[in-house]
């Protein structure tokens, strides 16, 4: 009489319950994180990478068109990579879960383009992806005010978090008034995020 399963037999994993969600790697966030992390890491042993990709109005005018967005891939000063590169994951994952891969890329790249335009006007030499991650932050602030209440958050906690969100937007207004390039991307992300959320709400009502 056999007392055990044959070596080639496999016990199947239990099926997930009806309310269970399978976690998967968010593809847009992972792609942005890997590319940004790899290029940023390359700038330290090879300083010419930073020089080739940072904001440089003369080089842009001379035809180096990639400098319109390539400053997102390198960091100046370099220490800020310790914050801005991990922030892609910290903010990109929740944004992608809420709005999907296209929404995440829109909230990363559109505010970044606005930030680079402001950068060439107000801070023509520099680099970093902080303007892009602030676009994600702005989108999350819009979600806090438009949809977070539907997730069952306790009202006192939600109100406190919304105060912080409002402070982020107020700070962005001040930054813009002071010609700091981080203000406009934050406000752009908030406006774009609100637009995406409201469009989704209208589509759900129409369905």
C-alpha atoms as a PDB file:
ATOM      1  CA  UNK A   1       0.000   0.000   0.000  1.00  0.00           C
ATOM      2  CA  UNK A   2       1.431   3.387  -0.995  1.00  0.00           C
ATOM      3  CA  UNK A   3       2.038   5.715   1.879  1.00  0.00           C
ATOM      4  CA  UNK A   4       2.992   8.883  -0.007  1.00  0.00           C
ATOM      5  CA  UNK A   5       2.601  10.712  -3.285  1.00  0.00           C
ATOM      6  CA  UNK A   6       4.881   9.919  -6.202  1.00  0.00           C
ATOM      7  CA  UNK A   7       7.746  12.402  -6.730  1.00  0.00           C
ATOM      8  CA  UNK A   8       6.207  13.660  -9.973  1.00  0.00           C
ATOM      9  CA  UNK A   9       2.909  14.511  -8.301  1.00  0.00           C
ATOM     10  CA  UNK A  10       2.278  18.099  -7.271  1.00  0.00           C
ATOM     11  CA  UNK A  11      -0.251  19.228  -4.728  1.00  0.00           C
ATOM     12  CA  UNK A  12      -2.147  22.131  -6.309  1.00  0.00           C
ATOM     13  CA  UNK A  13      -2.193  25.445  -4.514  1.00  0.00           C
ATOM     14  CA  UNK A  14      -5.546  26.366  -3.018  1.00  0.00           C
ATOM     15  CA  UNK A  15      -7.638  28.527  -5.298  1.00  0.00           C
ATOM     16  CA  UNK A  16      -7.887  32.166  -4.205  1.00  0.00           C
ATOM     17  CA  UNK A  17     -11.098  33.155  -2.512  1.00  0.00           C
ATOM     18  CA  UNK A  18     -13.674  35.247  -4.329  1.00  0.00           C
ATOM     19  CA  UNK A  19     -12.473  38.424  -2.652  1.00  0.00           C
ATOM     20  CA  UNK A  20      -8.757  37.770  -3.018  1.00  0.00           C
ATOM     21  CA  UNK A  21      -6.568  39.812  -5.335  1.00  0.00           C
ATOM     22  CA  UNK A  22      -3.443  38.536  -6.997  1.00  0.00           C
ATOM     23  CA  UNK A  23      -0.606  40.999  -6.660  1.00  0.00           C
ATOM     24  CA  UNK A  24       1.374  41.612  -9.817  1.00  0.00           C
ATOM     25  CA  UNK A  25       4.266  43.870 -10.664  1.00  0.00           C
ATOM     26  CA  UNK A  26       2.900  47.153 -12.096  1.00  0.00           C
ATOM     27  CA  UNK A  27       4.544  47.165 -15.549  1.00  0.00           C
ATOM     28  CA  UNK A  28       4.666  50.923 -16.152  1.00  0.00           C
ATOM     29  CA  UNK A  29       6.109  51.695 -12.729  1.00  0.00           C
ATOM     30  CA  UNK A  30       8.624  48.862 -12.981  1.00  0.00           C
ATOM     31  CA  UNK A  31       9.769  50.000 -16.430  1.00  0.00           C
ATOM     32  CA  UNK A  32      10.224  53.627 -15.381  1.00  0.00           C
ATOM     33  CA  UNK A  33      12.025  52.563 -12.207  1.00  0.00           C
ATOM     34  CA  UNK A  34      14.413  50.208 -13.998  1.00  0.00           C
ATOM     35  CA  UNK A  35      15.306  52.641 -16.792  1.00  0.00           C
ATOM     36  CA  UNK A  36      15.709  55.621 -14.455  1.00  0.00           C
ATOM     37  CA  UNK A  37      17.688  53.602 -11.930  1.00  0.00           C
ATOM     38  CA  UNK A  38      20.006  52.144 -14.560  1.00  0.00           C
ATOM     39  CA  UNK A  39      20.807  55.441 -16.270  1.00  0.00           C
ATOM     40  CA  UNK A  40      21.191  57.246 -12.946  1.00  0.00           C
ATOM     41  CA  UNK A  41      23.571  54.547 -11.715  1.00  0.00           C
ATOM     42  CA  UNK A  42      25.625  54.920 -14.897  1.00  0.00           C
ATOM     43  CA  UNK A  43      26.225  58.619 -14.285  1.00  0.00           C
ATOM     44  CA  UNK A  44      28.443  57.925 -11.265  1.00  0.00           C
ATOM     45  CA  UNK A  45      31.195  55.851 -12.948  1.00  0.00           C
ATOM     46  CA  UNK A  46      30.650  57.718 -16.235  1.00  0.00           C
ATOM     47  CA  UNK A  47      30.110  61.466 -15.550  1.00  0.00           C
ATOM     48  CA  UNK A  48      29.728  62.108 -19.273  1.00  0.00           C
ATOM     49  CA  UNK A  49      26.278  60.476 -19.048  1.00  0.00           C
ATOM     50  CA  UNK A  50      25.075  63.353 -16.881  1.00  0.00           C
ATOM     51  CA  UNK A  51      26.622  65.896 -19.221  1.00  0.00           C
ATOM     52  CA  UNK A  52      24.950  64.302 -22.251  1.00  0.00           C
ATOM     53  CA  UNK A  53      21.454  64.176 -20.735  1.00  0.00           C
ATOM     54  CA  UNK A  54      21.071  67.157 -18.395  1.00  0.00           C
ATOM     55  CA  UNK A  55      19.300  70.389 -19.304  1.00  0.00           C
ATOM     56  CA  UNK A  56      21.460  72.483 -21.598  1.00  0.00           C
ATOM     57  CA  UNK A  57      19.636  75.190 -23.584  1.00  0.00           C
ATOM     58  CA  UNK A  58      22.510  75.719 -26.019  1.00  0.00           C
ATOM     59  CA  UNK A  59      22.719  72.008 -26.826  1.00  0.00           C
ATOM     60  CA  UNK A  60      18.933  71.806 -27.174  1.00  0.00           C
ATOM     61  CA  UNK A  61      18.953  74.737 -29.585  1.00  0.00           C
ATOM     62  CA  UNK A  62      21.755  73.052 -31.526  1.00  0.00           C
ATOM     63  CA  UNK A  63      19.522  70.060 -32.261  1.00  0.00           C
ATOM     64  CA  UNK A  64      19.963  67.743 -29.269  1.00  0.00           C
ATOM     65  CA  UNK A  65      16.189  67.319 -29.001  1.00  0.00           C
ATOM     66  CA  UNK A  66      16.391  64.471 -26.484  1.00  0.00           C
ATOM     67  CA  UNK A  67      17.356  66.983 -23.817  1.00  0.00           C
ATOM     68  CA  UNK A  68      13.705  68.019 -23.654  1.00  0.00           C
ATOM     69  CA  UNK A  69      13.001  64.955 -21.454  1.00  0.00           C
ATOM     70  CA  UNK A  70      16.334  63.159 -20.936  1.00  0.00           C
ATOM     71  CA  UNK A  71      17.098  65.167 -17.747  1.00  0.00           C
ATOM     72  CA  UNK A  72      14.539  62.872 -16.068  1.00  0.00           C
ATOM     73  CA  UNK A  73      17.002  59.982 -16.364  1.00  0.00           C
ATOM     74  CA  UNK A  74      19.894  61.551 -14.438  1.00  0.00           C
ATOM     75  CA  UNK A  75      20.202  63.401 -11.162  1.00  0.00           C
ATOM     76  CA  UNK A  76      21.968  66.638 -10.278  1.00  0.00           C
ATOM     77  CA  UNK A  77      23.093  66.758  -7.534  1.00  0.00           C
ATOM     78  CA  UNK A  78      23.668  63.024  -7.444  1.00  0.00           C
ATOM     79  CA  UNK A  79      22.632  62.513  -3.814  1.00  0.00           C
ATOM     80  CA  UNK A  80      19.005  63.251  -4.669  1.00  0.00           C
ATOM     81  CA  UNK A  81      18.844  59.864  -6.402  1.00  0.00           C
ATOM     82  CA  UNK A  82      18.487  58.353  -2.921  1.00  0.00           C
ATOM     83  CA  UNK A  83      15.057  59.999  -2.720  1.00  0.00           C
ATOM     84  CA  UNK A  84      13.777  60.572  -6.229  1.00  0.00           C
ATOM     85  CA  UNK A  85      14.484  57.143  -7.732  1.00  0.00           C
ATOM     86  CA  UNK A  86      12.770  55.143  -4.931  1.00  0.00           C
ATOM     87  CA  UNK A  87       9.921  57.674  -5.093  1.00  0.00           C
ATOM     88  CA  UNK A  88       9.040  56.264  -8.521  1.00  0.00           C
ATOM     89  CA  UNK A  89       8.010  53.032  -6.800  1.00  0.00           C
ATOM     90  CA  UNK A  90       6.527  54.662  -3.709  1.00  0.00           C
ATOM     91  CA  UNK A  91       4.173  56.859  -5.746  1.00  0.00           C
ATOM     92  CA  UNK A  92       3.963  54.978  -9.028  1.00  0.00           C
ATOM     93  CA  UNK A  93       2.606  51.737  -7.563  1.00  0.00           C
ATOM     94  CA  UNK A  94      -0.505  53.276  -5.952  1.00  0.00           C
ATOM     95  CA  UNK A  95      -1.114  55.516  -8.971  1.00  0.00           C
ATOM     96  CA  UNK A  96      -0.916  52.551 -11.337  1.00  0.00           C
ATOM     97  CA  UNK A  97      -3.279  50.523  -9.154  1.00  0.00           C
ATOM     98  CA  UNK A  98      -5.780  53.380  -9.220  1.00  0.00           C
ATOM     99  CA  UNK A  99      -5.478  54.550 -12.833  1.00  0.00           C
ATOM    100  CA  UNK A 100      -3.681  51.755 -14.645  1.00  0.00           C
ATOM    101  CA  UNK A 101      -0.438  51.795 -16.609  1.00  0.00           C
ATOM    102  CA  UNK A 102      -1.510  54.492 -19.066  1.00  0.00           C
ATOM    103  CA  UNK A 103      -2.692  56.741 -16.261  1.00  0.00           C
ATOM    104  CA  UNK A 104       0.581  56.278 -14.407  1.00  0.00           C
ATOM    105  CA  UNK A 105       2.642  57.142 -17.490  1.00  0.00           C
ATOM    106  CA  UNK A 106       0.458  60.169 -18.203  1.00  0.00           C
ATOM    107  CA  UNK A 107       0.863  61.460 -14.651  1.00  0.00           C
ATOM    108  CA  UNK A 108       4.617  60.899 -14.843  1.00  0.00           C
ATOM    109  CA  UNK A 109       5.417  62.267 -18.297  1.00  0.00           C
ATOM    110  CA  UNK A 110       2.965  65.143 -18.830  1.00  0.00           C
ATOM    111  CA  UNK A 111       3.866  66.989 -15.592  1.00  0.00           C
ATOM    112  CA  UNK A 112       7.518  66.200 -16.321  1.00  0.00           C
ATOM    113  CA  UNK A 113       7.258  67.888 -19.719  1.00  0.00           C
ATOM    114  CA  UNK A 114       5.716  70.942 -18.048  1.00  0.00           C
ATOM    115  CA  UNK A 115       8.489  70.869 -15.457  1.00  0.00           C
ATOM    116  CA  UNK A 116      11.218  70.675 -18.083  1.00  0.00           C
ATOM    117  CA  UNK A 117       9.708  73.661 -19.883  1.00  0.00           C
ATOM    118  CA  UNK A 118       9.756  75.579 -16.598  1.00  0.00           C
ATOM    119  CA  UNK A 119      13.275  74.310 -16.021  1.00  0.00           C
ATOM    120  CA  UNK A 120      14.576  75.695 -19.300  1.00  0.00           C
ATOM    121  CA  UNK A 121      12.973  79.032 -18.426  1.00  0.00           C
ATOM    122  CA  UNK A 122      13.878  79.289 -14.737  1.00  0.00           C
ATOM    123  CA  UNK A 123      16.663  76.758 -14.091  1.00  0.00           C
ATOM    124  CA  UNK A 124      18.262  76.067 -17.467  1.00  0.00           C
ATOM    125  CA  UNK A 125      21.052  73.825 -16.191  1.00  0.00           C
ATOM    126  CA  UNK A 126      20.024  70.852 -14.076  1.00  0.00           C
ATOM    127  CA  UNK A 127      18.567  67.360 -14.044  1.00  0.00           C
ATOM    128  CA  UNK A 128      16.371  65.054 -12.011  1.00  0.00           C
ATOM    129  CA  UNK A 129      13.077  63.177 -12.014  1.00  0.00           C
ATOM    130  CA  UNK A 130      11.621  64.991  -8.998  1.00  0.00           C
ATOM    131  CA  UNK A 131       9.336  66.979 -11.312  1.00  0.00           C
ATOM    132  CA  UNK A 132       7.905  63.700 -12.617  1.00  0.00           C
ATOM    133  CA  UNK A 133       7.311  62.090  -9.222  1.00  0.00           C
ATOM    134  CA  UNK A 134       5.624  65.292  -8.068  1.00  0.00           C
ATOM    135  CA  UNK A 135       3.194  64.832 -10.942  1.00  0.00           C
ATOM    136  CA  UNK A 136       2.339  61.446  -9.436  1.00  0.00           C
ATOM    137  CA  UNK A 137       1.961  63.094  -6.032  1.00  0.00           C
ATOM    138  CA  UNK A 138      -0.421  65.671  -7.474  1.00  0.00           C
ATOM    139  CA  UNK A 139      -2.522  62.906  -9.000  1.00  0.00           C
ATOM    140  CA  UNK A 140      -2.732  61.119  -5.650  1.00  0.00           C
ATOM    141  CA  UNK A 141      -3.872  64.335  -3.971  1.00  0.00           C
ATOM    142  CA  UNK A 142      -6.751  64.535  -6.445  1.00  0.00           C
ATOM    143  CA  UNK A 143      -7.657  60.935  -5.654  1.00  0.00           C
ATOM    144  CA  UNK A 144      -7.710  61.776  -1.930  1.00  0.00           C
ATOM    145  CA  UNK A 145     -10.377  64.401  -2.531  1.00  0.00           C
ATOM    146  CA  UNK A 146     -12.390  62.631  -5.235  1.00  0.00           C
ATOM    147  CA  UNK A 147     -12.378  58.908  -4.461  1.00  0.00           C
ATOM    148  CA  UNK A 148     -10.591  58.021  -1.224  1.00  0.00           C
ATOM    149  CA  UNK A 149     -13.841  58.193   0.740  1.00  0.00           C
ATOM    150  CA  UNK A 150     -15.127  55.233  -1.297  1.00  0.00           C
ATOM    151  CA  UNK A 151     -12.354  52.997   0.091  1.00  0.00           C
ATOM    152  CA  UNK A 152     -13.730  52.942   3.624  1.00  0.00           C
ATOM    153  CA  UNK A 153     -11.125  55.182   5.223  1.00  0.00           C
ATOM    154  CA  UNK A 154     -12.116  56.404   8.696  1.00  0.00           C
ATOM    155  CA  UNK A 155     -13.316  59.978   8.306  1.00  0.00           C
ATOM    156  CA  UNK A 156     -10.904  61.506  10.911  1.00  0.00           C
ATOM    157  CA  UNK A 157      -7.910  59.842   9.227  1.00  0.00           C
ATOM    158  CA  UNK A 158      -9.062  60.886   5.770  1.00  0.00           C
ATOM    159  CA  UNK A 159      -9.524  64.481   6.889  1.00  0.00           C
ATOM    160  CA  UNK A 160      -5.992  64.600   8.310  1.00  0.00           C
ATOM    161  CA  UNK A 161      -4.503  63.155   5.133  1.00  0.00           C
ATOM    162  CA  UNK A 162      -6.490  65.617   3.040  1.00  0.00           C
ATOM    163  CA  UNK A 163      -5.003  68.475   5.058  1.00  0.00           C
ATOM    164  CA  UNK A 164      -1.553  67.270   4.028  1.00  0.00           C
ATOM    165  CA  UNK A 165      -2.740  66.989   0.445  1.00  0.00           C
ATOM    166  CA  UNK A 166      -4.054  70.545   0.496  1.00  0.00           C
ATOM    167  CA  UNK A 167      -0.715  71.666   1.937  1.00  0.00           C
ATOM    168  CA  UNK A 168       1.080  70.019  -0.986  1.00  0.00           C
ATOM    169  CA  UNK A 169      -1.038  71.978  -3.462  1.00  0.00           C
ATOM    170  CA  UNK A 170      -0.610  75.217  -1.523  1.00  0.00           C
ATOM    171  CA  UNK A 171       3.143  74.680  -1.494  1.00  0.00           C
ATOM    172  CA  UNK A 172       3.061  74.104  -5.238  1.00  0.00           C
ATOM    173  CA  UNK A 173       1.325  77.451  -5.747  1.00  0.00           C
ATOM    174  CA  UNK A 174       3.989  79.172  -3.643  1.00  0.00           C
ATOM    175  CA  UNK A 175       6.767  77.372  -5.541  1.00  0.00           C
ATOM    176  CA  UNK A 176       5.318  78.544  -8.841  1.00  0.00           C
ATOM    177  CA  UNK A 177       5.105  82.127  -7.610  1.00  0.00           C
ATOM    178  CA  UNK A 178       8.773  81.883  -6.603  1.00  0.00           C
ATOM    179  CA  UNK A 179       9.708  80.373  -9.987  1.00  0.00           C
ATOM    180  CA  UNK A 180      10.651  77.043  -8.474  1.00  0.00           C
ATOM    181  CA  UNK A 181      10.277  74.409 -11.177  1.00  0.00           C
ATOM    182  CA  UNK A 182       8.588  71.882  -8.852  1.00  0.00           C
ATOM    183  CA  UNK A 183       5.331  73.790  -8.419  1.00  0.00           C
ATOM    184  CA  UNK A 184       3.875  73.579 -11.927  1.00  0.00           C
ATOM    185  CA  UNK A 185       4.399  69.796 -12.293  1.00  0.00           C
ATOM    186  CA  UNK A 186       2.592  69.192  -8.995  1.00  0.00           C
ATOM    187  CA  UNK A 187      -0.362  71.328 -10.065  1.00  0.00           C
ATOM    188  CA  UNK A 188      -0.370  69.727 -13.514  1.00  0.00           C
ATOM    189  CA  UNK A 189      -0.469  66.276 -11.939  1.00  0.00           C
ATOM    190  CA  UNK A 190      -3.367  67.301  -9.707  1.00  0.00           C
ATOM    191  CA  UNK A 191      -5.338  68.729 -12.643  1.00  0.00           C
ATOM    192  CA  UNK A 192      -4.616  65.771 -14.905  1.00  0.00           C
ATOM    193  CA  UNK A 193      -5.372  63.278 -12.141  1.00  0.00           C
ATOM    194  CA  UNK A 194      -8.696  64.962 -11.426  1.00  0.00           C
ATOM    195  CA  UNK A 195      -9.546  64.878 -15.118  1.00  0.00           C
ATOM    196  CA  UNK A 196      -8.756  61.163 -15.418  1.00  0.00           C
ATOM    197  CA  UNK A 197     -10.757  60.299 -12.295  1.00  0.00           C
ATOM    198  CA  UNK A 198     -13.782  62.342 -13.341  1.00  0.00           C
ATOM    199  CA  UNK A 199     -13.733  60.858 -16.837  1.00  0.00           C
ATOM    200  CA  UNK A 200     -13.683  57.375 -15.353  1.00  0.00           C
ATOM    201  CA  UNK A 201     -16.592  58.274 -13.071  1.00  0.00           C
ATOM    202  CA  UNK A 202     -18.650  59.510 -16.030  1.00  0.00           C
ATOM    203  CA  UNK A 203     -17.922  56.350 -17.996  1.00  0.00           C
ATOM    204  CA  UNK A 204     -19.002  54.162 -15.084  1.00  0.00           C
ATOM    205  CA  UNK A 205     -22.264  56.068 -14.754  1.00  0.00           C
ATOM    206  CA  UNK A 206     -22.901  55.772 -18.469  1.00  0.00           C
ATOM    207  CA  UNK A 207     -22.211  52.015 -18.503  1.00  0.00           C
END
